Amino acid sequence: MTSLDPAIADRLKRTAEGLVPAVVQQHDTGEVLMLGWMDDEALARTMATGRATYWSRSRQEYWIKGDTSGHVQWVKEVRLDCDGDTLLVKVDQVGAACHTGDRTCFDADLVHDGA
């Protein structure tokens, strides 16, 4: 088990399940890739290893992005929003970010185009 810095842990506002949403963005283009969920352990592992680690709500286990797919996320920086309830994880994405094989999880379904 990896420990999260108490100064960071104290700032986090978690869901009832102890999770914080993590918006994942390509570090150099700003492209939004996906949304994952992190608890204190996942965030600590992410910062310690430089590989994005999430909590799978469906499987109830930790997963390191790319361990099975090869589509690794190399973490460049992690930011906490002003309210402490959302993380921004800037990564260098290798391959597809989405489990469907798309580059991002937001490619498939345009629901409004502003027109």
Protein backbone atom coordinates (compact mmCIF):
# COMPACT_ATOMS: atom_id res chain seq x y z
CA MET A 1 0.00 0.00 0.00
CA THR A 2 1.25 3.46 -0.96
CA SER A 3 0.47 6.44 1.25
CA LEU A 4 -0.89 9.69 -0.08
CA ASP A 5 0.72 12.85 1.25
CA PRO A 6 -1.57 14.01 4.11
CA ALA A 7 -1.47 17.60 2.81
CA ILE A 8 -3.00 16.39 -0.46
CA ALA A 9 -5.38 13.92 1.20
CA ASP A 10 -6.78 16.67 3.42
CA ARG A 11 -7.74 18.75 0.37
CA LEU A 12 -9.67 15.97 -1.41
CA LYS A 13 -13.46 15.95 -1.35
CA ARG A 14 -14.49 12.38 -2.07
CA THR A 15 -17.76 10.70 -3.03
CA ALA A 16 -19.49 8.49 -0.47
CA GLU A 17 -17.43 5.63 -1.94
CA GLY A 18 -14.18 7.50 -1.25
CA LEU A 19 -13.53 8.35 -4.89
CA VAL A 20 -12.54 11.48 -6.79
CA PRO A 21 -13.20 11.88 -10.53
CA ALA A 22 -10.04 12.25 -12.61
CA VAL A 23 -10.34 14.04 -15.94
CA VAL A 24 -7.53 12.78 -18.16
CA GLN A 25 -6.03 15.10 -20.76
CA GLN A 26 -3.25 14.75 -23.33
CA HIS A 27 -0.52 16.98 -21.89
CA ASP A 28 0.66 18.66 -25.10
CA THR A 29 -2.55 19.11 -27.09
CA GLY A 30 -5.15 19.56 -24.34
CA GLU A 31 -7.29 16.79 -25.86
CA VAL A 32 -9.66 15.35 -23.23
CA LEU A 33 -9.15 11.59 -23.27
CA MET A 34 -11.28 10.01 -20.57
CA LEU A 35 -12.68 10.14 -17.07
CA GLY A 36 -11.46 7.73 -14.43
CA TRP A 37 -11.94 7.39 -10.70
CA MET A 38 -9.23 7.50 -8.05
CA ASP A 39 -9.16 6.92 -4.35
CA ASP A 40 -6.23 7.91 -2.14
CA GLU A 41 -4.34 4.71 -2.97
CA ALA A 42 -4.79 5.07 -6.73
CA LEU A 43 -3.65 8.69 -6.61
CA ALA A 44 -0.63 7.79 -4.48
CA ARG A 45 0.31 4.95 -6.86
CA THR A 46 -0.09 7.27 -9.85
CA MET A 47 2.23 9.87 -8.37
CA ALA A 48 4.77 7.29 -7.15
CA THR A 49 5.03 5.33 -10.41
CA GLY A 50 4.28 7.91 -13.12
CA ARG A 51 1.67 5.54 -14.58
CA ALA A 52 -2.03 6.37 -14.32
CA THR A 53 -3.74 4.06 -11.84
CA TYR A 54 -7.50 4.04 -11.29
CA TRP A 55 -10.14 2.36 -9.18
CA SER A 56 -12.51 0.28 -11.29
CA ARG A 57 -16.00 0.73 -9.94
CA SER A 58 -17.30 -2.25 -11.93
CA ARG A 59 -14.51 -4.68 -11.03
CA GLN A 60 -13.83 -3.23 -7.56
CA GLU A 61 -10.07 -3.30 -8.09
CA TYR A 62 -7.15 -1.10 -9.07
CA TRP A 63 -6.07 -1.00 -12.70
CA ILE A 64 -3.03 0.55 -14.25
CA LYS A 65 -3.92 2.00 -17.63
CA GLY A 66 -2.18 -0.01 -20.33
CA ASP A 67 -1.26 -3.13 -18.34
CA THR A 68 -3.47 -5.33 -20.52
CA SER A 69 -3.96 -3.16 -23.62
CA GLY A 70 -0.51 -1.64 -23.95
CA HIS A 71 -2.19 1.79 -24.14
CA VAL A 72 -0.15 3.32 -21.34
CA GLN A 73 -0.69 6.72 -19.78
CA TRP A 74 2.59 8.32 -18.71
CA VAL A 75 1.69 10.97 -16.15
CA LYS A 76 3.18 14.41 -16.72
CA GLU A 77 1.31 16.27 -13.96
CA VAL A 78 -1.65 16.00 -11.61
CA ARG A 79 -3.71 19.02 -10.60
CA LEU A 80 -6.49 19.44 -8.06
CA ASP A 81 -9.34 21.81 -8.86
CA CYS A 82 -10.19 24.77 -6.63
CA ASP A 83 -12.91 22.84 -4.75
CA GLY A 84 -10.78 19.74 -4.19
CA ASP A 85 -13.40 17.51 -5.78
CA THR A 86 -11.86 16.79 -9.21
CA LEU A 87 -8.41 15.82 -10.42
CA LEU A 88 -6.88 16.78 -13.74
CA VAL A 89 -4.34 14.20 -14.87
CA LYS A 90 -2.17 15.32 -17.77
CA VAL A 91 -0.62 12.37 -19.56
CA ASP A 92 1.31 11.26 -22.58
CA GLN A 93 -1.18 8.74 -24.01
CA VAL A 94 0.22 5.75 -25.91
CA GLY A 95 -2.45 4.38 -28.25
CA ALA A 96 -6.16 4.55 -27.52
CA ALA A 97 -7.44 5.94 -24.24
CA CYS A 98 -10.93 4.47 -24.57
CA HIS A 99 -11.69 0.80 -23.92
CA THR A 100 -13.55 0.78 -27.28
CA GLY A 101 -10.27 1.42 -29.11
CA ASP A 102 -11.04 5.09 -29.88
CA ARG A 103 -8.39 7.71 -29.21
CA THR A 104 -10.66 9.37 -26.63
CA CYS A 105 -13.83 8.35 -24.84
CA PHE A 106 -15.50 11.47 -26.23
CA ASP A 107 -15.20 10.71 -29.98
CA ALA A 108 -18.32 8.62 -30.48
CA ASP A 109 -21.38 10.56 -29.44
CA LEU A 110 -21.89 14.25 -30.22
CA VAL A 111 -25.05 15.30 -28.38
CA HIS A 112 -24.90 19.05 -29.11
CA ASP A 113 -22.77 21.11 -31.47
CA GLY A 114 -23.75 24.64 -30.40
CA ALA A 115 -25.51 25.43 -33.67
